Amino acid sequence: MNEYEQNLLKNVFSVKGIRKLNEILTRDENKSDTLQSLV
C-alpha cells in the first residue's frame, strides 16, 4: 500500500473501498486515471 492509500485508510476509506478503487483503475477504459483522480 502506498503513502496515498495509507492516508485514505487513516482518514476516509476502508481497505475494501481502496481495493474497489484500485480495481476500477485496472480496467482498460480507465488506464489514464489515477487513485487521486478518482477520489
PDB file of N, CA and C in Angstrom:
ATOM      1  N   MET A   1       0.849  -1.169   0.000  1.00  0.00           N
ATOM      2  CA  MET A   1       0.000   0.000   0.000  1.00  0.00           C
ATOM      3  C   MET A   1       0.901   1.241   0.000  1.00  0.00           C
ATOM      4  N   ASN A   2       0.627   2.133  -0.917  1.00  0.00           N
ATOM      5  CA  ASN A   2       1.459   3.336  -1.000  1.00  0.00           C
ATOM      6  C   ASN A   2       1.016   4.381   0.031  1.00  0.00           C
ATOM      7  N   GLU A   3       1.765   5.458   0.105  1.00  0.00           N
ATOM      8  CA  GLU A   3       1.517   6.500   1.106  1.00  0.00           C
ATOM      9  C   GLU A   3       0.130   7.127   0.951  1.00  0.00           C
ATOM     10  N   TYR A   4      -0.291   7.368  -0.283  1.00  0.00           N
ATOM     11  CA  TYR A   4      -1.606   7.972  -0.524  1.00  0.00           C
ATOM     12  C   TYR A   4      -2.724   7.037  -0.045  1.00  0.00           C
ATOM     13  N   GLU A   5      -2.582   5.740  -0.337  1.00  0.00           N
ATOM     14  CA  GLU A   5      -3.579   4.774   0.105  1.00  0.00           C
ATOM     15  C   GLU A   5      -3.627   4.695   1.628  1.00  0.00           C
ATOM     16  N   GLN A   6      -2.479   4.749   2.275  1.00  0.00           N
ATOM     17  CA  GLN A   6      -2.434   4.720   3.736  1.00  0.00           C
ATOM     18  C   GLN A   6      -3.124   5.945   4.325  1.00  0.00           C
ATOM     19  N   ASN A   7      -2.935   7.094   3.701  1.00  0.00           N
ATOM     20  CA  ASN A   7      -3.595   8.317   4.152  1.00  0.00           C
ATOM     21  C   ASN A   7      -5.116   8.200   4.008  1.00  0.00           C
ATOM     22  N   LEU A   8      -5.570   7.648   2.893  1.00  0.00           N
ATOM     23  CA  LEU A   8      -7.011   7.441   2.706  1.00  0.00           C
ATOM     24  C   LEU A   8      -7.562   6.485   3.755  1.00  0.00           C
ATOM     25  N   LEU A   9      -6.804   5.434   4.037  1.00  0.00           N
ATOM     26  CA  LEU A   9      -7.234   4.443   5.015  1.00  0.00           C
ATOM     27  C   LEU A   9      -7.368   5.063   6.406  1.00  0.00           C
ATOM     28  N   LYS A  10      -6.455   5.931   6.765  1.00  0.00           N
ATOM     29  CA  LYS A  10      -6.497   6.582   8.081  1.00  0.00           C
ATOM     30  C   LYS A  10      -7.660   7.557   8.198  1.00  0.00           C
ATOM     31  N   ASN A  11      -8.026   8.215   7.102  1.00  0.00           N
ATOM     32  CA  ASN A  11      -8.958   9.332   7.179  1.00  0.00           C
ATOM     33  C   ASN A  11     -10.342   9.106   6.585  1.00  0.00           C
ATOM     34  N   VAL A  12     -10.461   8.267   5.578  1.00  0.00           N
ATOM     35  CA  VAL A  12     -11.746   8.228   4.873  1.00  0.00           C
ATOM     36  C   VAL A  12     -12.209   6.814   4.539  1.00  0.00           C
ATOM     37  N   PHE A  13     -11.389   6.047   3.850  1.00  0.00           N
ATOM     38  CA  PHE A  13     -11.808   4.802   3.240  1.00  0.00           C
ATOM     39  C   PHE A  13     -11.452   3.573   4.062  1.00  0.00           C
ATOM     40  N   SER A  14     -12.176   2.492   3.793  1.00  0.00           N
ATOM     41  CA  SER A  14     -11.833   1.187   4.342  1.00  0.00           C
ATOM     42  C   SER A  14     -10.899   0.484   3.361  1.00  0.00           C
ATOM     43  N   VAL A  15     -10.293  -0.610   3.800  1.00  0.00           N
ATOM     44  CA  VAL A  15      -9.437  -1.399   2.915  1.00  0.00           C
ATOM     45  C   VAL A  15     -10.257  -1.881   1.721  1.00  0.00           C
ATOM     46  N   LYS A  16     -11.487  -2.297   1.972  1.00  0.00           N
ATOM     47  CA  LYS A  16     -12.371  -2.759   0.895  1.00  0.00           C
ATOM     48  C   LYS A  16     -12.621  -1.653  -0.127  1.00  0.00           C
ATOM     49  N   GLY A  17     -12.837  -0.434   0.341  1.00  0.00           N
ATOM     50  CA  GLY A  17     -13.066   0.694  -0.557  1.00  0.00           C
ATOM     51  C   GLY A  17     -11.856   1.003  -1.417  1.00  0.00           C
ATOM     52  N   ILE A  18     -10.678   0.947  -0.820  1.00  0.00           N
ATOM     53  CA  ILE A  18      -9.444   1.199  -1.569  1.00  0.00           C
ATOM     54  C   ILE A  18      -9.221   0.111  -2.607  1.00  0.00           C
ATOM     55  N   ARG A  19      -9.501  -1.136  -2.255  1.00  0.00           N
ATOM     56  CA  ARG A  19      -9.376  -2.234  -3.232  1.00  0.00           C
ATOM     57  C   ARG A  19     -10.312  -2.014  -4.413  1.00  0.00           C
ATOM     58  N   LYS A  20     -11.538  -1.583  -4.133  1.00  0.00           N
ATOM     59  CA  LYS A  20     -12.512  -1.341  -5.203  1.00  0.00           C
ATOM     60  C   LYS A  20     -12.029  -0.237  -6.138  1.00  0.00           C
ATOM     61  N   LEU A  21     -11.481   0.847  -5.572  1.00  0.00           N
ATOM     62  CA  LEU A  21     -10.939   1.922  -6.407  1.00  0.00           C
ATOM     63  C   LEU A  21      -9.799   1.405  -7.275  1.00  0.00           C
ATOM     64  N   ASN A  22      -8.933   0.576  -6.709  1.00  0.00           N
ATOM     65  CA  ASN A  22      -7.823   0.031  -7.486  1.00  0.00           C
ATOM     66  C   ASN A  22      -8.310  -0.917  -8.579  1.00  0.00           C
ATOM     67  N   GLU A  23      -9.399  -1.649  -8.331  1.00  0.00           N
ATOM     68  CA  GLU A  23      -9.990  -2.493  -9.375  1.00  0.00           C
ATOM     69  C   GLU A  23     -10.489  -1.636 -10.534  1.00  0.00           C
ATOM     70  N   ILE A  24     -11.098  -0.521 -10.224  1.00  0.00           N
ATOM     71  CA  ILE A  24     -11.573   0.398 -11.265  1.00  0.00           C
ATOM     72  C   ILE A  24     -10.397   0.888 -12.105  1.00  0.00           C
ATOM     73  N   LEU A  25      -9.278   1.175 -11.450  1.00  0.00           N
ATOM     74  CA  LEU A  25      -8.101   1.682 -12.166  1.00  0.00           C
ATOM     75  C   LEU A  25      -7.493   0.652 -13.110  1.00  0.00           C
ATOM     76  N   THR A  26      -7.686  -0.633 -12.842  1.00  0.00           N
ATOM     77  CA  THR A  26      -7.080  -1.662 -13.684  1.00  0.00           C
ATOM     78  C   THR A  26      -7.910  -1.988 -14.926  1.00  0.00           C
ATOM     79  N   ARG A  27      -9.100  -1.438 -15.027  1.00  0.00           N
ATOM     80  CA  ARG A  27      -9.926  -1.650 -16.223  1.00  0.00           C
ATOM     81  C   ARG A  27      -9.320  -0.909 -17.409  1.00  0.00           C
ATOM     82  N   ASP A  28      -9.448  -1.471 -18.579  1.00  0.00           N
ATOM     83  CA  ASP A  28      -8.846  -0.910 -19.793  1.00  0.00           C
ATOM     84  C   ASP A  28      -9.281   0.518 -20.088  1.00  0.00           C
ATOM     85  N   GLU A  29     -10.549   0.829 -19.887  1.00  0.00           N
ATOM     86  CA  GLU A  29     -11.034   2.160 -20.249  1.00  0.00           C
ATOM     87  C   GLU A  29     -10.551   3.249 -19.290  1.00  0.00           C
ATOM     88  N   ASN A  30      -9.936   2.863 -18.191  1.00  0.00           N
ATOM     89  CA  ASN A  30      -9.512   3.840 -17.188  1.00  0.00           C
ATOM     90  C   ASN A  30      -7.996   3.907 -17.028  1.00  0.00           C
ATOM     91  N   LYS A  31      -7.251   3.521 -18.029  1.00  0.00           N
ATOM     92  CA  LYS A  31      -5.793   3.472 -17.910  1.00  0.00           C
ATOM     93  C   LYS A  31      -5.165   4.820 -17.594  1.00  0.00           C
ATOM     94  N   SER A  32      -5.793   5.918 -17.974  1.00  0.00           N
ATOM     95  CA  SER A  32      -5.208   7.237 -17.716  1.00  0.00           C
ATOM     96  C   SER A  32      -5.594   7.783 -16.339  1.00  0.00           C
ATOM     97  N   ASP A  33      -6.526   7.133 -15.640  1.00  0.00           N
ATOM     98  CA  ASP A  33      -6.944   7.592 -14.317  1.00  0.00           C
ATOM     99  C   ASP A  33      -5.933   7.189 -13.250  1.00  0.00           C
ATOM    100  N   THR A  34      -5.909   7.948 -12.177  1.00  0.00           N
ATOM    101  CA  THR A  34      -5.090   7.620 -11.012  1.00  0.00           C
ATOM    102  C   THR A  34      -5.998   7.552  -9.795  1.00  0.00           C
ATOM    103  N   LEU A  35      -5.488   7.021  -8.725  1.00  0.00           N
ATOM    104  CA  LEU A  35      -6.269   6.957  -7.497  1.00  0.00           C
ATOM    105  C   LEU A  35      -6.679   8.356  -7.054  1.00  0.00           C
ATOM    106  N   GLN A  36      -5.780   9.299  -7.171  1.00  0.00           N
ATOM    107  CA  GLN A  36      -6.085  10.676  -6.793  1.00  0.00           C
ATOM    108  C   GLN A  36      -7.203  11.263  -7.648  1.00  0.00           C
ATOM    109  N   SER A  37      -7.236  10.931  -8.928  1.00  0.00           N
ATOM    110  CA  SER A  37      -8.284  11.487  -9.792  1.00  0.00           C
ATOM    111  C   SER A  37      -9.653  10.873  -9.490  1.00  0.00           C
ATOM    112  N   LEU A  38      -9.681   9.653  -8.987  1.00  0.00           N
ATOM    113  CA  LEU A  38     -10.952   9.032  -8.623  1.00  0.00           C
ATOM    114  C   LEU A  38     -11.505   9.595  -7.326  1.00  0.00           C
ATOM    115  N   VAL A  39     -10.610   9.942  -6.423  1.00  0.00           N
ATOM    116  CA  VAL A  39     -11.035  10.452  -5.118  1.00  0.00           C
ATOM    117  C   VAL A  39     -11.325  11.904  -5.270  1.00  0.00           C
TER     118      VAL A  39
END
